[in-house]
């Protein structure tokens, strides 16, 4: 099954026009034609079965046959992840985290960040492609990049977990926490880790220091570890 993205359709719509990019993919790549059935999502929970009515021009017209709402996950996971030095590693994290389960991601610029340039448009495409590939109906939100210190000053609700590599007797193993059915925010630092002043401020702002095990993980690996740990607890019996 191929899933197409049509962000504007609602549960009341009887027809929808695909974007030029999605239309080109349908007709030129997948060779879809009039009368073929396809599936659509608006990225906000709806999945529709539709029938192609018109492939003329640059946009494909689709009549809606039925619409279903995909049940949302029992938890929300907002990741705050520093950009990696190599951009492809960050894109890999975005792809895999979306497949596993992710509510939103915020690139955070830290004291020891080596990359300051964020390719937001490219990141959006990676998130969208991963959502469609994994047949999900919720598109993770990509928030604008922000400095960690400004981010910590914001009103972030739910449980805030802060992963760092410094020796800290107060750190708790992530997989030992109860992560079920919660609103979670997890912070992952850059290759050089968070600075001591950033760790101090995070704790002052109510973040709980956590450990991801005994080995030192790359930024993108740590972020994926966090996604998998949360998903594993929430999907277990």
Protein backbone atom coordinates (compact mmCIF):
# COMPACT_ATOMS: atom_id res chain seq x y z
CA UNK A 1 0.00 0.00 0.00
CA UNK A 2 1.24 3.45 -0.93
CA UNK A 3 0.21 6.41 1.21
CA UNK A 4 -0.15 9.88 -0.29
CA UNK A 5 -0.05 13.13 1.64
CA UNK A 6 -2.94 15.57 1.29
CA UNK A 7 -2.75 17.92 4.31
CA UNK A 8 -5.90 19.90 3.59
CA UNK A 9 -8.59 17.21 3.51
CA UNK A 10 -11.04 16.78 6.39
CA UNK A 11 -13.47 14.08 7.49
CA UNK A 12 -16.28 15.90 5.63
CA UNK A 13 -14.58 16.13 2.24
CA UNK A 14 -15.82 14.13 -0.75
CA UNK A 15 -12.86 14.84 -3.00
CA UNK A 16 -9.31 16.13 -2.78
CA UNK A 17 -6.62 17.34 -5.16
CA UNK A 18 -3.09 16.05 -4.64
CA UNK A 19 -0.19 18.48 -4.73
CA UNK A 20 1.89 18.66 -7.88
CA UNK A 21 4.67 16.67 -6.21
CA UNK A 22 2.35 13.93 -4.96
CA UNK A 23 0.52 13.89 -8.31
CA UNK A 24 3.79 13.41 -10.18
CA UNK A 25 4.75 10.57 -7.86
CA UNK A 26 1.37 8.90 -8.40
CA UNK A 27 1.28 9.13 -12.19
CA UNK A 28 4.92 9.18 -13.29
CA UNK A 29 6.56 6.93 -10.70
CA UNK A 30 3.77 4.56 -9.62
CA UNK A 31 1.90 4.75 -12.96
CA UNK A 32 -1.47 5.30 -11.32
CA UNK A 33 -4.34 6.00 -13.69
CA UNK A 34 -8.04 6.91 -13.67
CA UNK A 35 -10.07 4.43 -11.64
CA UNK A 36 -7.18 3.25 -9.48
CA UNK A 37 -7.68 3.20 -5.71
CA UNK A 38 -5.17 4.95 -3.51
CA UNK A 39 -4.84 5.85 0.18
CA UNK A 40 -4.31 9.32 1.60
CA UNK A 41 -3.45 10.88 4.94
CA UNK A 42 -3.66 14.46 6.12
CA UNK A 43 -0.89 13.93 8.67
CA UNK A 44 -3.33 14.78 11.45
CA UNK A 45 -4.80 11.35 12.09
CA UNK A 46 -7.02 10.71 9.06
CA UNK A 47 -6.49 7.98 6.47
CA UNK A 48 -8.77 7.89 3.45
CA UNK A 49 -9.36 5.45 0.64
CA UNK A 50 -9.90 7.24 -2.62
CA UNK A 51 -10.42 6.68 -6.32
CA UNK A 52 -8.52 8.63 -8.96
CA UNK A 53 -10.94 10.57 -11.13
CA UNK A 54 -8.70 12.76 -13.22
CA UNK A 55 -4.99 12.65 -14.02
CA UNK A 56 -5.00 15.45 -16.58
CA UNK A 57 -2.92 18.53 -15.81
CA UNK A 58 -0.46 18.82 -12.96
CA UNK A 59 -2.77 17.75 -10.11
CA UNK A 60 -4.53 14.44 -9.60
CA UNK A 61 -8.17 14.63 -8.53
CA UNK A 62 -9.31 11.95 -6.09
CA UNK A 63 -12.85 11.14 -4.93
CA UNK A 64 -13.07 9.97 -1.32
CA UNK A 65 -14.63 6.54 -0.74
CA UNK A 66 -14.21 6.29 3.03
CA UNK A 67 -12.26 7.95 5.82
CA UNK A 68 -10.96 6.44 9.02
CA UNK A 69 -9.19 8.00 11.97
CA UNK A 70 -6.00 6.32 13.12
CA UNK A 71 -5.88 5.97 16.88
CA UNK A 72 -3.18 8.22 18.34
CA UNK A 73 -0.45 6.76 20.51
CA UNK A 74 -1.05 6.64 24.24
CA UNK A 75 1.96 8.88 24.83
CA UNK A 76 3.60 11.94 23.34
CA UNK A 77 7.33 12.12 22.75
CA UNK A 78 8.94 15.48 22.05
CA UNK A 79 12.64 15.25 21.31
CA UNK A 80 15.05 18.16 21.66
CA UNK A 81 18.15 17.08 19.76
CA UNK A 82 21.28 19.03 18.92
CA UNK A 83 22.18 19.03 15.20
CA UNK A 84 24.95 16.60 14.35
CA UNK A 85 28.18 17.67 12.64
CA UNK A 86 27.31 15.48 9.65
CA UNK A 87 23.86 16.44 8.42
CA UNK A 88 23.05 13.00 7.02
CA UNK A 89 23.24 11.54 10.52
CA UNK A 90 20.52 13.91 11.71
CA UNK A 91 18.34 13.00 8.73
CA UNK A 92 18.86 9.32 9.54
CA UNK A 93 17.67 9.95 13.09
CA UNK A 94 14.58 11.84 11.85
CA UNK A 95 13.65 9.02 9.49
CA UNK A 96 14.04 6.20 11.98
CA UNK A 97 12.48 8.07 14.91
CA UNK A 98 9.40 8.83 12.81
CA UNK A 99 9.05 5.17 11.92
CA UNK A 100 9.24 4.17 15.59
CA UNK A 101 7.06 6.96 16.99
CA UNK A 102 7.71 10.65 17.45
CA UNK A 103 5.43 13.61 18.22
CA UNK A 104 7.80 16.49 17.55
CA UNK A 105 11.45 17.38 17.22
CA UNK A 106 13.23 20.62 18.06
CA UNK A 107 16.83 21.19 16.96
CA UNK A 108 18.64 22.76 19.91
CA UNK A 109 21.80 24.84 19.54
CA UNK A 110 24.15 24.21 22.45
CA UNK A 111 27.40 25.64 23.78
CA UNK A 112 29.41 22.86 22.15
CA UNK A 113 27.36 22.45 18.95
CA UNK A 114 29.51 22.23 15.83
CA UNK A 115 26.60 22.71 13.42
CA UNK A 116 24.48 25.84 13.56
CA UNK A 117 22.79 25.68 10.12
CA UNK A 118 19.46 23.84 10.06
CA UNK A 119 18.00 22.56 6.77
CA UNK A 120 14.38 22.79 7.83
CA UNK A 121 12.89 22.18 4.38
CA UNK A 122 14.98 19.06 3.92
CA UNK A 123 14.12 17.82 7.42
CA UNK A 124 10.39 18.28 6.68
CA UNK A 125 10.72 16.10 3.58
CA UNK A 126 12.48 13.38 5.56
CA UNK A 127 9.74 13.37 8.21
CA UNK A 128 7.02 13.26 5.57
CA UNK A 129 8.63 10.44 3.62
CA UNK A 130 9.14 8.38 6.78
CA UNK A 131 5.52 8.91 7.87
CA UNK A 132 4.21 7.69 4.52
CA UNK A 133 6.63 4.77 4.34
CA UNK A 134 5.61 3.53 7.79
CA UNK A 135 1.89 3.98 7.01
CA UNK A 136 1.27 6.41 9.83
CA UNK A 137 -1.31 9.18 9.88
CA UNK A 138 0.45 11.63 12.18
CA UNK A 139 3.23 13.83 10.82
CA UNK A 140 5.77 14.78 13.51
CA UNK A 141 6.06 18.51 14.05
CA UNK A 142 9.40 20.10 13.27
CA UNK A 143 9.88 23.15 15.46
CA UNK A 144 12.30 25.97 14.57
CA UNK A 145 15.84 25.64 15.87
CA UNK A 146 16.42 27.36 19.20
CA UNK A 147 19.26 27.77 21.65
CA UNK A 148 19.08 25.31 24.52
CA UNK A 149 19.08 28.08 27.12
CA UNK A 150 16.12 29.84 25.50
CA UNK A 151 14.38 26.51 25.13
CA UNK A 152 14.75 25.72 28.83
CA UNK A 153 13.19 29.09 29.65
CA UNK A 154 10.00 28.06 27.85
CA UNK A 155 7.04 26.49 29.60
CA UNK A 156 7.52 22.82 28.71
CA UNK A 157 4.83 20.66 30.27
CA UNK A 158 5.07 16.99 31.13
CA UNK A 159 8.12 15.03 32.25
CA UNK A 160 11.47 16.46 31.14
CA UNK A 161 14.41 14.08 30.83
CA UNK A 162 17.93 15.37 30.23
CA UNK A 163 20.56 12.93 28.92
CA UNK A 164 24.21 13.85 29.44
CA UNK A 165 27.55 12.07 29.78
CA UNK A 166 28.95 13.78 32.88
CA UNK A 167 29.37 11.70 36.02
CA UNK A 168 26.30 12.30 38.13
CA UNK A 169 25.06 10.21 41.04
CA UNK A 170 21.58 11.66 40.48
CA UNK A 171 21.23 10.20 36.99
CA UNK A 172 18.57 7.54 36.49
CA UNK A 173 18.64 4.84 33.83
CA UNK A 174 16.05 5.68 31.19
CA UNK A 175 14.78 2.12 30.88
CA UNK A 176 14.18 1.96 34.64
CA UNK A 177 11.64 4.80 34.53
CA UNK A 178 7.92 4.42 34.00
CA UNK A 179 7.46 5.86 30.51
CA UNK A 180 3.95 4.61 29.85
CA UNK A 181 1.09 6.90 28.79
CA UNK A 182 2.99 10.09 29.53
CA UNK A 183 3.89 13.38 27.93
CA UNK A 184 7.66 13.16 27.61
CA UNK A 185 10.33 15.65 26.57
CA UNK A 186 13.84 14.24 26.15
CA UNK A 187 16.94 16.36 25.57
CA UNK A 188 19.94 14.98 23.63
CA UNK A 189 23.16 16.98 23.34
CA UNK A 190 25.76 17.49 20.58
CA UNK A 191 28.91 15.45 19.92
CA UNK A 192 30.76 17.35 22.66
CA UNK A 193 27.88 16.79 25.12
CA UNK A 194 26.11 19.50 27.07
CA UNK A 195 28.31 21.99 28.93
CA UNK A 196 28.34 21.99 32.73
CA UNK A 197 26.42 25.28 32.79
CA UNK A 198 23.74 23.80 30.52
CA UNK A 199 23.40 20.73 32.72
CA UNK A 200 23.09 22.94 35.78
CA UNK A 201 20.42 25.11 34.19
CA UNK A 202 18.46 22.08 32.97
CA UNK A 203 18.32 20.67 36.49
CA UNK A 204 17.29 24.07 37.86
CA UNK A 205 14.46 24.11 35.31
CA UNK A 206 13.12 20.79 36.54
CA UNK A 207 14.77 18.36 34.12
CA UNK A 208 15.63 14.89 35.43
CA UNK A 209 19.15 13.69 34.49
CA UNK A 210 19.04 10.29 32.80
CA UNK A 211 21.52 7.71 31.57
CA UNK A 212 21.30 5.64 28.38
CA UNK A 213 23.63 2.90 29.56
CA UNK A 214 27.33 2.34 30.12
CA UNK A 215 28.54 3.11 26.61
CA UNK A 216 28.90 6.56 25.08
CA UNK A 217 26.43 6.97 22.22
CA UNK A 218 26.50 9.27 19.23
CA UNK A 219 23.86 12.00 19.26
CA UNK A 220 21.67 10.30 16.65
CA UNK A 221 22.05 6.90 18.31
CA UNK A 222 21.06 8.31 21.69
CA UNK A 223 17.99 9.96 20.18
CA UNK A 224 16.93 6.72 18.55
CA UNK A 225 17.59 4.81 21.76
CA UNK A 226 15.23 7.20 23.53
CA UNK A 227 12.50 6.65 20.91
CA UNK A 228 12.84 2.89 21.03
CA UNK A 229 12.84 2.78 24.84
CA UNK A 230 9.65 4.82 25.09
CA UNK A 231 7.92 2.88 22.32
CA UNK A 232 8.93 -0.51 23.79
CA UNK A 233 7.36 0.29 27.15
CA UNK A 234 4.16 1.65 25.65
CA UNK A 235 3.69 -1.21 23.22
CA UNK A 236 4.34 -3.98 25.74
CA UNK A 237 1.48 -5.97 27.22
